[in-house]
Amino acid sequence: MYILENMTWKETEDALKVCKTAIIPVGSTEQHGPHLPLGTDFFTAQYFADGMADADYPAIVTPTLPLGYATYHGDFGATLCLRESTLEAVLTDICDMLLFHGIDHILFFNTHGGNAQAMNNICYKLRLKGVTAATYMWFETVGHLKDEWKLIGHGDAAETAFVLAYRPGICDPEKAVRPVNRDLSDTLKLGDMNQVFFKDVMQVHFQMRVKDVTDNGAMLEPSLYPGADHGQWMEGVDPQMAVDMRKAILDLLVEVLPEFEKVTFEPSDAPF
């Protein structure tokens, strides 16, 4: 793949002749519990983007956006974020420039779930223009590839592995605190951030801040992979896990991109 920030303008002209798709990595700068840096999601996005340099497929990879929508994390330390409307505006401008340069397929490579709504909004607006766009989030995939890769929460062993692989020495897994989520009542049980269950079957969707769920910023997210061992936290954390997960995800990415590029839409006259 072609890493845009490493290329001259003449090199990008040549790349655009053979590339239909642009991949836009987007992270976040937010708290990740007691032991991980605020850059965890940003580092993860950049770690994947760096690996794309060796991926054998003609696609453009844009610079990683380090900030996302994460205001609900803001009660913990110096979390930085964009308003959702600002994130949408920034990503829209990036997409518009890519379309201007001849790209006709956009894939957001998202490493923070809070960014997804802004990306979905953009993808729909691009659809109205007849442009194919989609959002991909690595953490929705890895747990289906190996049981030990099932993510169990915010700031867990998998996210720790990415920091250990990308920026060794700036986090200490020994400082991790096993999280205990607060339920909203005796019968309203947290399934994931904003997803609450009544009697295990009725889902009620809230809009909460992370401090409503946890005192230290780390939290379990049992709905993502219900079969995961949610009693585990840092056991077995190793940077090699991130190396292997990155390879598996990028191998899949190279496989899916030709199919992604077969998807085309006619522009719509719908007003919105």
C-alpha atoms as a PDB file:
ATOM      1  CA  MET A   1       0.000   0.000   0.000  1.00  0.00           C
ATOM      2  CA  TYR A   2       1.028   3.610  -0.461  1.00  0.00           C
ATOM      3  CA  ILE A   3       1.671   5.611   2.722  1.00  0.00           C
ATOM      4  CA  LEU A   4       0.730   9.117   1.722  1.00  0.00           C
ATOM      5  CA  GLU A   5       2.853  11.124   4.164  1.00  0.00           C
ATOM      6  CA  ASN A   6       6.015   9.320   3.020  1.00  0.00           C
ATOM      7  CA  MET A   7       5.574  10.170  -0.665  1.00  0.00           C
ATOM      8  CA  THR A   8       6.442  13.088  -2.912  1.00  0.00           C
ATOM      9  CA  TRP A   9       3.654  14.706  -4.910  1.00  0.00           C
ATOM     10  CA  LYS A  10       4.964  13.057  -8.100  1.00  0.00           C
ATOM     11  CA  GLU A  11       4.889   9.664  -6.412  1.00  0.00           C
ATOM     12  CA  THR A  12       1.314  10.247  -5.305  1.00  0.00           C
ATOM     13  CA  GLU A  13       0.313  11.064  -8.885  1.00  0.00           C
ATOM     14  CA  ASP A  14       1.619   7.687 -10.006  1.00  0.00           C
ATOM     15  CA  ALA A  15      -0.071   5.897  -7.102  1.00  0.00           C
ATOM     16  CA  LEU A  16      -3.434   7.504  -7.827  1.00  0.00           C
ATOM     17  CA  LYS A  17      -3.353   6.011 -11.327  1.00  0.00           C
ATOM     18  CA  VAL A  18      -3.625   2.506  -9.844  1.00  0.00           C
ATOM     19  CA  CYS A  19      -5.521   3.083  -6.564  1.00  0.00           C
ATOM     20  CA  LYS A  20      -9.303   3.154  -6.209  1.00  0.00           C
ATOM     21  CA  THR A  21      -9.431   3.037  -2.409  1.00  0.00           C
ATOM     22  CA  ALA A  22      -8.138   5.329   0.305  1.00  0.00           C
ATOM     23  CA  ILE A  23      -7.845   4.034   3.857  1.00  0.00           C
ATOM     24  CA  ILE A  24      -8.192   6.655   6.594  1.00  0.00           C
ATOM     25  CA  PRO A  25      -6.849   5.493  10.003  1.00  0.00           C
ATOM     26  CA  VAL A  26      -8.549   7.284  12.895  1.00  0.00           C
ATOM     27  CA  GLY A  27      -7.701   6.969  16.581  1.00  0.00           C
ATOM     28  CA  SER A  28      -8.394   8.880  19.787  1.00  0.00           C
ATOM     29  CA  THR A  29      -6.508  10.532  22.637  1.00  0.00           C
ATOM     30  CA  GLU A  30      -8.368   9.435  25.739  1.00  0.00           C
ATOM     31  CA  GLN A  31      -7.866   7.817  29.120  1.00  0.00           C
ATOM     32  CA  HIS A  32      -7.380   4.044  29.213  1.00  0.00           C
ATOM     33  CA  GLY A  33      -7.440   3.259  32.907  1.00  0.00           C
ATOM     34  CA  PRO A  34      -4.569   3.400  35.395  1.00  0.00           C
ATOM     35  CA  HIS A  35      -1.760   1.887  33.319  1.00  0.00           C
ATOM     36  CA  LEU A  36      -2.152   2.863  29.658  1.00  0.00           C
ATOM     37  CA  PRO A  37      -1.298   6.193  27.984  1.00  0.00           C
ATOM     38  CA  LEU A  38      -3.928   8.476  26.495  1.00  0.00           C
ATOM     39  CA  GLY A  39      -2.486   7.710  23.072  1.00  0.00           C
ATOM     40  CA  THR A  40      -3.462   4.028  23.164  1.00  0.00           C
ATOM     41  CA  ASP A  41      -6.081   4.200  20.385  1.00  0.00           C
ATOM     42  CA  PHE A  42      -3.949   6.601  18.351  1.00  0.00           C
ATOM     43  CA  PHE A  43      -0.908   4.336  18.731  1.00  0.00           C
ATOM     44  CA  THR A  44      -2.985   1.333  17.681  1.00  0.00           C
ATOM     45  CA  ALA A  45      -4.222   3.121  14.561  1.00  0.00           C
ATOM     46  CA  GLN A  46      -0.667   4.187  13.697  1.00  0.00           C
ATOM     47  CA  TYR A  47       0.691   0.701  14.357  1.00  0.00           C
ATOM     48  CA  PHE A  48      -1.785  -0.724  11.858  1.00  0.00           C
ATOM     49  CA  ALA A  49      -1.052   2.083   9.391  1.00  0.00           C
ATOM     50  CA  ASP A  50       2.688   1.398   9.610  1.00  0.00           C
ATOM     51  CA  GLY A  51       1.990  -2.255   8.846  1.00  0.00           C
ATOM     52  CA  MET A  52      -0.005  -1.284   5.763  1.00  0.00           C
ATOM     53  CA  ALA A  53       3.259  -0.182   4.140  1.00  0.00           C
ATOM     54  CA  ASP A  54       4.083  -3.871   3.653  1.00  0.00           C
ATOM     55  CA  ALA A  55       0.586  -4.906   2.555  1.00  0.00           C
ATOM     56  CA  ASP A  56       0.513  -5.985  -1.065  1.00  0.00           C
ATOM     57  CA  TYR A  57      -2.437  -4.028  -2.439  1.00  0.00           C
ATOM     58  CA  PRO A  58      -2.772  -0.764  -4.390  1.00  0.00           C
ATOM     59  CA  ALA A  59      -4.500   1.501  -1.884  1.00  0.00           C
ATOM     60  CA  ILE A  60      -3.674   4.930  -0.494  1.00  0.00           C
ATOM     61  CA  VAL A  61      -3.218   5.197   3.294  1.00  0.00           C
ATOM     62  CA  THR A  62      -3.702   8.704   4.671  1.00  0.00           C
ATOM     63  CA  PRO A  63      -2.004  10.110   7.779  1.00  0.00           C
ATOM     64  CA  THR A  64      -3.559   8.895  11.022  1.00  0.00           C
ATOM     65  CA  LEU A  65      -5.970  11.251  12.758  1.00  0.00           C
ATOM     66  CA  PRO A  66      -4.976  11.165  16.469  1.00  0.00           C
ATOM     67  CA  LEU A  67      -8.121  12.806  17.872  1.00  0.00           C
ATOM     68  CA  GLY A  68     -11.677  11.501  17.829  1.00  0.00           C
ATOM     69  CA  TYR A  69     -14.969  11.861  19.656  1.00  0.00           C
ATOM     70  CA  ALA A  70     -14.318  10.917  23.279  1.00  0.00           C
ATOM     71  CA  THR A  71     -15.824  13.635  25.443  1.00  0.00           C
ATOM     72  CA  TYR A  72     -17.505  11.014  27.626  1.00  0.00           C
ATOM     73  CA  HIS A  73     -14.020   9.950  28.799  1.00  0.00           C
ATOM     74  CA  GLY A  74     -13.160  13.518  29.774  1.00  0.00           C
ATOM     75  CA  ASP A  75     -13.634  13.183  33.539  1.00  0.00           C
ATOM     76  CA  PHE A  76     -10.335  11.286  33.696  1.00  0.00           C
ATOM     77  CA  GLY A  77      -7.188  13.362  33.240  1.00  0.00           C
ATOM     78  CA  ALA A  78      -6.398  15.386  30.129  1.00  0.00           C
ATOM     79  CA  THR A  79      -8.434  13.455  27.595  1.00  0.00           C
ATOM     80  CA  LEU A  80      -8.487  15.419  24.318  1.00  0.00           C
ATOM     81  CA  CYS A  81     -11.223  15.109  21.740  1.00  0.00           C
ATOM     82  CA  LEU A  82     -13.201  16.735  18.978  1.00  0.00           C
ATOM     83  CA  ARG A  83     -16.892  17.462  18.992  1.00  0.00           C
ATOM     84  CA  GLU A  84     -18.715  14.858  16.933  1.00  0.00           C
ATOM     85  CA  SER A  85     -19.684  17.569  14.440  1.00  0.00           C
ATOM     86  CA  THR A  86     -16.037  18.695  14.217  1.00  0.00           C
ATOM     87  CA  LEU A  87     -14.814  15.143  13.642  1.00  0.00           C
ATOM     88  CA  GLU A  88     -17.407  14.711  10.914  1.00  0.00           C
ATOM     89  CA  ALA A  89     -16.362  17.996   9.303  1.00  0.00           C
ATOM     90  CA  VAL A  90     -12.639  17.128   9.391  1.00  0.00           C
ATOM     91  CA  LEU A  91     -13.165  13.663   7.922  1.00  0.00           C
ATOM     92  CA  THR A  92     -15.533  15.060   5.295  1.00  0.00           C
ATOM     93  CA  ASP A  93     -12.862  17.526   4.173  1.00  0.00           C
ATOM     94  CA  ILE A  94     -10.311  14.704   3.924  1.00  0.00           C
ATOM     95  CA  CYS A  95     -12.738  12.608   1.888  1.00  0.00           C
ATOM     96  CA  ASP A  96     -13.581  15.510  -0.415  1.00  0.00           C
ATOM     97  CA  MET A  97      -9.892  16.022  -1.204  1.00  0.00           C
ATOM     98  CA  LEU A  98      -9.426  12.315  -1.883  1.00  0.00           C
ATOM     99  CA  LEU A  99     -12.410  12.331  -4.247  1.00  0.00           C
ATOM    100  CA  PHE A 100     -10.947  15.405  -5.950  1.00  0.00           C
ATOM    101  CA  HIS A 101      -7.749  13.409  -6.525  1.00  0.00           C
ATOM    102  CA  GLY A 102      -9.658  10.535  -8.153  1.00  0.00           C
ATOM    103  CA  ILE A 103     -10.300   8.114  -5.281  1.00  0.00           C
ATOM    104  CA  ASP A 104     -13.786   6.588  -5.450  1.00  0.00           C
ATOM    105  CA  HIS A 105     -13.793   4.192  -2.465  1.00  0.00           C
ATOM    106  CA  ILE A 106     -13.227   5.291   1.144  1.00  0.00           C
ATOM    107  CA  LEU A 107     -12.538   2.978   4.084  1.00  0.00           C
ATOM    108  CA  PHE A 108     -12.282   4.376   7.594  1.00  0.00           C
ATOM    109  CA  PHE A 109      -9.941   2.207   9.695  1.00  0.00           C
ATOM    110  CA  ASN A 110     -11.293   3.099  13.108  1.00  0.00           C
ATOM    111  CA  THR A 111      -9.683   2.157  16.435  1.00  0.00           C
ATOM    112  CA  HIS A 112     -12.157   3.928  18.742  1.00  0.00           C
ATOM    113  CA  GLY A 113     -15.846   3.052  18.886  1.00  0.00           C
ATOM    114  CA  GLY A 114     -16.882   6.590  19.775  1.00  0.00           C
ATOM    115  CA  ASN A 115     -15.891   7.732  16.277  1.00  0.00           C
ATOM    116  CA  ALA A 116     -18.293   5.396  14.523  1.00  0.00           C
ATOM    117  CA  GLN A 117     -21.387   7.610  14.409  1.00  0.00           C
ATOM    118  CA  ALA A 118     -19.592  10.475  12.679  1.00  0.00           C
ATOM    119  CA  MET A 119     -18.139   8.012  10.169  1.00  0.00           C
ATOM    120  CA  ASN A 120     -21.518   6.418   9.536  1.00  0.00           C
ATOM    121  CA  ASN A 121     -22.970   9.847   8.825  1.00  0.00           C
ATOM    122  CA  ILE A 122     -20.215  10.546   6.303  1.00  0.00           C
ATOM    123  CA  CYS A 123     -20.587   7.152   4.644  1.00  0.00           C
ATOM    124  CA  TYR A 124     -24.282   7.767   4.077  1.00  0.00           C
ATOM    125  CA  LYS A 125     -23.682  11.218   2.626  1.00  0.00           C
ATOM    126  CA  LEU A 126     -21.046   9.753   0.305  1.00  0.00           C
ATOM    127  CA  ARG A 127     -23.512   7.049  -0.690  1.00  0.00           C
ATOM    128  CA  LEU A 128     -25.910   9.760  -1.859  1.00  0.00           C
ATOM    129  CA  LYS A 129     -23.126  11.010  -4.123  1.00  0.00           C
ATOM    130  CA  GLY A 130     -22.597   7.507  -5.507  1.00  0.00           C
ATOM    131  CA  VAL A 131     -19.341   7.007  -3.605  1.00  0.00           C
ATOM    132  CA  THR A 132     -18.647   3.710  -1.813  1.00  0.00           C
ATOM    133  CA  ALA A 133     -17.585   4.253   1.807  1.00  0.00           C
ATOM    134  CA  ALA A 134     -17.478   2.078   4.908  1.00  0.00           C
ATOM    135  CA  THR A 135     -16.083   1.876   8.438  1.00  0.00           C
ATOM    136  CA  TYR A 136     -14.001  -1.011   9.763  1.00  0.00           C
ATOM    137  CA  MET A 137     -13.086  -1.593  13.428  1.00  0.00           C
ATOM    138  CA  TRP A 138     -10.410  -4.209  14.101  1.00  0.00           C
ATOM    139  CA  PHE A 139     -11.687  -5.113  17.563  1.00  0.00           C
ATOM    140  CA  GLU A 140     -14.913  -6.486  16.106  1.00  0.00           C
ATOM    141  CA  THR A 141     -12.887  -9.101  14.212  1.00  0.00           C
ATOM    142  CA  VAL A 142      -9.961 -10.398  16.254  1.00  0.00           C
ATOM    143  CA  GLY A 143     -12.006 -12.335  18.792  1.00  0.00           C
ATOM    144  CA  HIS A 144     -13.512 -14.399  15.990  1.00  0.00           C
ATOM    145  CA  LEU A 145     -10.051 -15.413  14.801  1.00  0.00           C
ATOM    146  CA  LYS A 146      -8.696 -16.700  18.130  1.00  0.00           C
ATOM    147  CA  ASP A 147     -10.366 -17.149  21.493  1.00  0.00           C
ATOM    148  CA  GLU A 148      -7.420 -15.589  23.305  1.00  0.00           C
ATOM    149  CA  TRP A 149      -7.845 -12.451  21.191  1.00  0.00           C
ATOM    150  CA  LYS A 150     -11.343 -11.738  22.457  1.00  0.00           C
ATOM    151  CA  LEU A 151     -11.338  -8.246  23.886  1.00  0.00           C
ATOM    152  CA  ILE A 152     -12.862  -8.041  27.317  1.00  0.00           C
ATOM    153  CA  GLY A 153     -12.804  -4.346  28.067  1.00  0.00           C
ATOM    154  CA  HIS A 154     -11.422  -0.840  27.840  1.00  0.00           C
ATOM    155  CA  GLY A 155      -7.692  -0.940  28.556  1.00  0.00           C
ATOM    156  CA  ASP A 156      -7.447  -4.739  28.534  1.00  0.00           C
ATOM    157  CA  ALA A 157      -4.570  -7.071  27.608  1.00  0.00           C
ATOM    158  CA  ALA A 158      -5.126  -6.701  23.850  1.00  0.00           C
ATOM    159  CA  GLU A 159      -4.936  -2.908  23.950  1.00  0.00           C
ATOM    160  CA  THR A 160      -1.964  -3.156  26.296  1.00  0.00           C
ATOM    161  CA  ALA A 161      -0.211  -5.439  23.817  1.00  0.00           C
ATOM    162  CA  PHE A 162      -0.505  -2.799  21.091  1.00  0.00           C
ATOM    163  CA  VAL A 163       1.134  -0.165  23.279  1.00  0.00           C
ATOM    164  CA  LEU A 164       3.880  -2.604  24.292  1.00  0.00           C
ATOM    165  CA  ALA A 165       4.519  -3.380  20.613  1.00  0.00           C
ATOM    166  CA  TYR A 166       4.387   0.194  19.305  1.00  0.00           C
ATOM    167  CA  ARG A 167       5.810   2.206  22.227  1.00  0.00           C
ATOM    168  CA  PRO A 168       7.619  -0.221  24.546  1.00  0.00           C
ATOM    169  CA  GLY A 169       8.522   1.211  27.934  1.00  0.00           C
ATOM    170  CA  ILE A 170       5.727   3.736  28.362  1.00  0.00           C
ATOM    171  CA  CYS A 171       3.215   1.461  30.097  1.00  0.00           C
ATOM    172  CA  ASP A 172       3.490  -0.992  32.974  1.00  0.00           C
ATOM    173  CA  PRO A 173       0.887  -3.797  32.982  1.00  0.00           C
ATOM    174  CA  GLU A 174       1.598  -4.257  36.702  1.00  0.00           C
ATOM    175  CA  LYS A 175      -0.242  -0.976  37.312  1.00  0.00           C
ATOM    176  CA  ALA A 176      -3.421  -2.296  35.715  1.00  0.00           C
ATOM    177  CA  VAL A 177      -6.431  -2.582  37.996  1.00  0.00           C
ATOM    178  CA  ARG A 178      -9.004  -5.284  37.374  1.00  0.00           C
ATOM    179  CA  PRO A 179     -12.211  -3.352  36.643  1.00  0.00           C
ATOM    180  CA  VAL A 180     -15.556  -3.798  38.302  1.00  0.00           C
ATOM    181  CA  ASN A 181     -18.404  -2.152  36.387  1.00  0.00           C
ATOM    182  CA  ARG A 182     -21.190  -0.471  38.266  1.00  0.00           C
ATOM    183  CA  ASP A 183     -24.671  -1.603  37.308  1.00  0.00           C
ATOM    184  CA  LEU A 184     -27.388   1.027  37.272  1.00  0.00           C
ATOM    185  CA  SER A 185     -29.631  -0.881  39.681  1.00  0.00           C
ATOM    186  CA  ASP A 186     -30.223  -4.380  40.992  1.00  0.00           C
ATOM    187  CA  THR A 187     -32.015  -5.317  37.785  1.00  0.00           C
ATOM    188  CA  LEU A 188     -30.435  -3.005  35.176  1.00  0.00           C
ATOM    189  CA  LYS A 189     -27.118  -4.666  34.302  1.00  0.00           C
ATOM    190  CA  LEU A 190     -24.432  -3.125  32.117  1.00  0.00           C
ATOM    191  CA  GLY A 191     -23.705  -5.036  28.917  1.00  0.00           C
ATOM    192  CA  ASP A 192     -21.470  -2.428  27.338  1.00  0.00           C
ATOM    193  CA  MET A 193     -21.027   1.319  27.476  1.00  0.00           C
ATOM    194  CA  ASN A 194     -24.589   2.710  27.109  1.00  0.00           C
ATOM    195  CA  GLN A 195     -26.084  -0.776  26.627  1.00  0.00           C
ATOM    196  CA  VAL A 196     -28.042  -1.937  29.661  1.00  0.00           C
ATOM    197  CA  PHE A 197     -30.007  -5.177  30.078  1.00  0.00           C
ATOM    198  CA  PHE A 198     -33.144  -5.849  32.076  1.00  0.00           C
ATOM    199  CA  LYS A 199     -33.564  -9.544  32.947  1.00  0.00           C
ATOM    200  CA  ASP A 200     -30.832 -10.354  30.387  1.00  0.00           C
ATOM    201  CA  VAL A 201     -33.227  -9.934  27.447  1.00  0.00           C
ATOM    202  CA  MET A 202     -34.530  -6.371  27.288  1.00  0.00           C
ATOM    203  CA  GLN A 203     -31.931  -3.886  26.040  1.00  0.00           C
ATOM    204  CA  VAL A 204     -32.241  -0.284  27.181  1.00  0.00           C
ATOM    205  CA  HIS A 205     -29.874   2.196  25.547  1.00  0.00           C
ATOM    206  CA  PHE A 206     -28.524   5.054  27.655  1.00  0.00           C
ATOM    207  CA  GLN A 207     -26.045   7.830  26.928  1.00  0.00           C
ATOM    208  CA  MET A 208     -23.573   7.858  29.803  1.00  0.00           C
ATOM    209  CA  ARG A 209     -20.141   9.085  30.762  1.00  0.00           C
ATOM    210  CA  VAL A 210     -17.404   6.617  31.608  1.00  0.00           C
ATOM    211  CA  LYS A 211     -17.370   7.819  35.219  1.00  0.00           C
ATOM    212  CA  ASP A 212     -20.954   6.510  35.513  1.00  0.00           C
ATOM    213  CA  VAL A 213     -19.559   3.016  35.021  1.00  0.00           C
ATOM    214  CA  THR A 214     -16.104   2.958  36.601  1.00  0.00           C
ATOM    215  CA  ASP A 215     -14.019   4.849  39.171  1.00  0.00           C
ATOM    216  CA  ASN A 216     -10.647   4.256  37.482  1.00  0.00           C
ATOM    217  CA  GLY A 217     -11.445   4.449  33.757  1.00  0.00           C
ATOM    218  CA  ALA A 218     -10.977   0.738  33.040  1.00  0.00           C
ATOM    219  CA  MET A 219     -14.145  -1.202  32.325  1.00  0.00           C
ATOM    220  CA  LEU A 220     -15.403  -4.542  31.121  1.00  0.00           C
ATOM    221  CA  GLU A 221     -17.337  -4.708  27.865  1.00  0.00           C
ATOM    222  CA  PRO A 222     -19.019  -8.111  28.025  1.00  0.00           C
ATOM    223  CA  SER A 223     -21.319  -7.636  25.027  1.00  0.00           C
ATOM    224  CA  LEU A 224     -18.512  -7.454  22.454  1.00  0.00           C
ATOM    225  CA  TYR A 225     -17.473 -11.097  22.905  1.00  0.00           C
ATOM    226  CA  PRO A 226     -19.949 -12.776  25.280  1.00  0.00           C
ATOM    227  CA  GLY A 227     -17.928 -15.995  25.305  1.00  0.00           C
ATOM    228  CA  ALA A 228     -14.745 -14.312  26.533  1.00  0.00           C
ATOM    229  CA  ASP A 229     -13.335 -14.890  29.998  1.00  0.00           C
ATOM    230  CA  HIS A 230     -14.360 -11.665  31.670  1.00  0.00           C
ATOM    231  CA  GLY A 231     -12.576 -12.679  34.835  1.00  0.00           C
ATOM    232  CA  GLN A 232      -9.277 -12.284  33.010  1.00  0.00           C
ATOM    233  CA  TRP A 233      -7.535  -8.940  32.671  1.00  0.00           C
ATOM    234  CA  MET A 234      -3.743  -8.776  32.175  1.00  0.00           C
ATOM    235  CA  GLU A 235      -2.877 -12.454  32.303  1.00  0.00           C
ATOM    236  CA  GLY A 236      -0.573 -13.411  29.453  1.00  0.00           C
ATOM    237  CA  VAL A 237      -0.208  -9.929  27.975  1.00  0.00           C
ATOM    238  CA  ASP A 238       2.631  -9.907  25.448  1.00  0.00           C
ATOM    239  CA  PRO A 239       3.562  -7.525  22.597  1.00  0.00           C
ATOM    240  CA  GLN A 240       3.723 -10.552  20.289  1.00  0.00           C
ATOM    241  CA  MET A 241      -0.070 -10.708  20.600  1.00  0.00           C
ATOM    242  CA  ALA A 242      -0.287  -7.321  18.863  1.00  0.00           C
ATOM    243  CA  VAL A 243       2.174  -8.388  16.166  1.00  0.00           C
ATOM    244  CA  ASP A 244       0.091 -11.470  15.400  1.00  0.00           C
ATOM    245  CA  MET A 245      -3.229  -9.622  15.545  1.00  0.00           C
ATOM    246  CA  ARG A 246      -1.975  -6.925  13.199  1.00  0.00           C
ATOM    247  CA  LYS A 247      -0.793  -9.483  10.665  1.00  0.00           C
ATOM    248  CA  ALA A 248      -4.099 -11.373  10.786  1.00  0.00           C
ATOM    249  CA  ILE A 249      -6.161  -8.197  10.372  1.00  0.00           C
ATOM    250  CA  LEU A 250      -4.035  -6.822   7.537  1.00  0.00           C
ATOM    251  CA  ASP A 251      -4.127 -10.179   5.733  1.00  0.00           C
ATOM    252  CA  LEU A 252      -7.928 -10.003   5.867  1.00  0.00           C
ATOM    253  CA  LEU A 253      -7.866  -6.389   4.725  1.00  0.00           C
ATOM    254  CA  VAL A 254      -5.906  -7.312   1.606  1.00  0.00           C
ATOM    255  CA  GLU A 255      -8.448 -10.050   0.912  1.00  0.00           C
ATOM    256  CA  VAL A 256     -11.528  -7.881   1.351  1.00  0.00           C
ATOM    257  CA  LEU A 257     -10.421  -4.801  -0.586  1.00  0.00           C
ATOM    258  CA  PRO A 258     -10.991  -6.321  -4.069  1.00  0.00           C
ATOM    259  CA  GLU A 259     -14.537  -7.212  -3.010  1.00  0.00           C
ATOM    260  CA  PHE A 260     -15.017  -3.769  -1.477  1.00  0.00           C
ATOM    261  CA  GLU A 261     -14.017  -2.178  -4.758  1.00  0.00           C
ATOM    262  CA  LYS A 262     -16.639  -4.189  -6.654  1.00  0.00           C
ATOM    263  CA  VAL A 263     -19.332  -2.318  -4.712  1.00  0.00           C
ATOM    264  CA  THR A 264     -20.629   0.674  -6.634  1.00  0.00           C
ATOM    265  CA  PHE A 265     -23.693   2.891  -6.251  1.00  0.00           C
ATOM    266  CA  GLU A 266     -25.587   5.286  -8.461  1.00  0.00           C
ATOM    267  CA  PRO A 267     -25.956   8.803  -7.078  1.00  0.00           C
ATOM    268  CA  SER A 268     -29.280   9.502  -5.402  1.00  0.00           C
ATOM    269  CA  ASP A 269     -31.592  12.477  -5.770  1.00  0.00           C
ATOM    270  CA  ALA A 270     -32.690  12.151  -2.141  1.00  0.00           C
ATOM    271  CA  PRO A 271     -32.262  15.464  -0.279  1.00  0.00           C
ATOM    272  CA  PHE A 272     -30.808  13.768   2.827  1.00  0.00           C
END
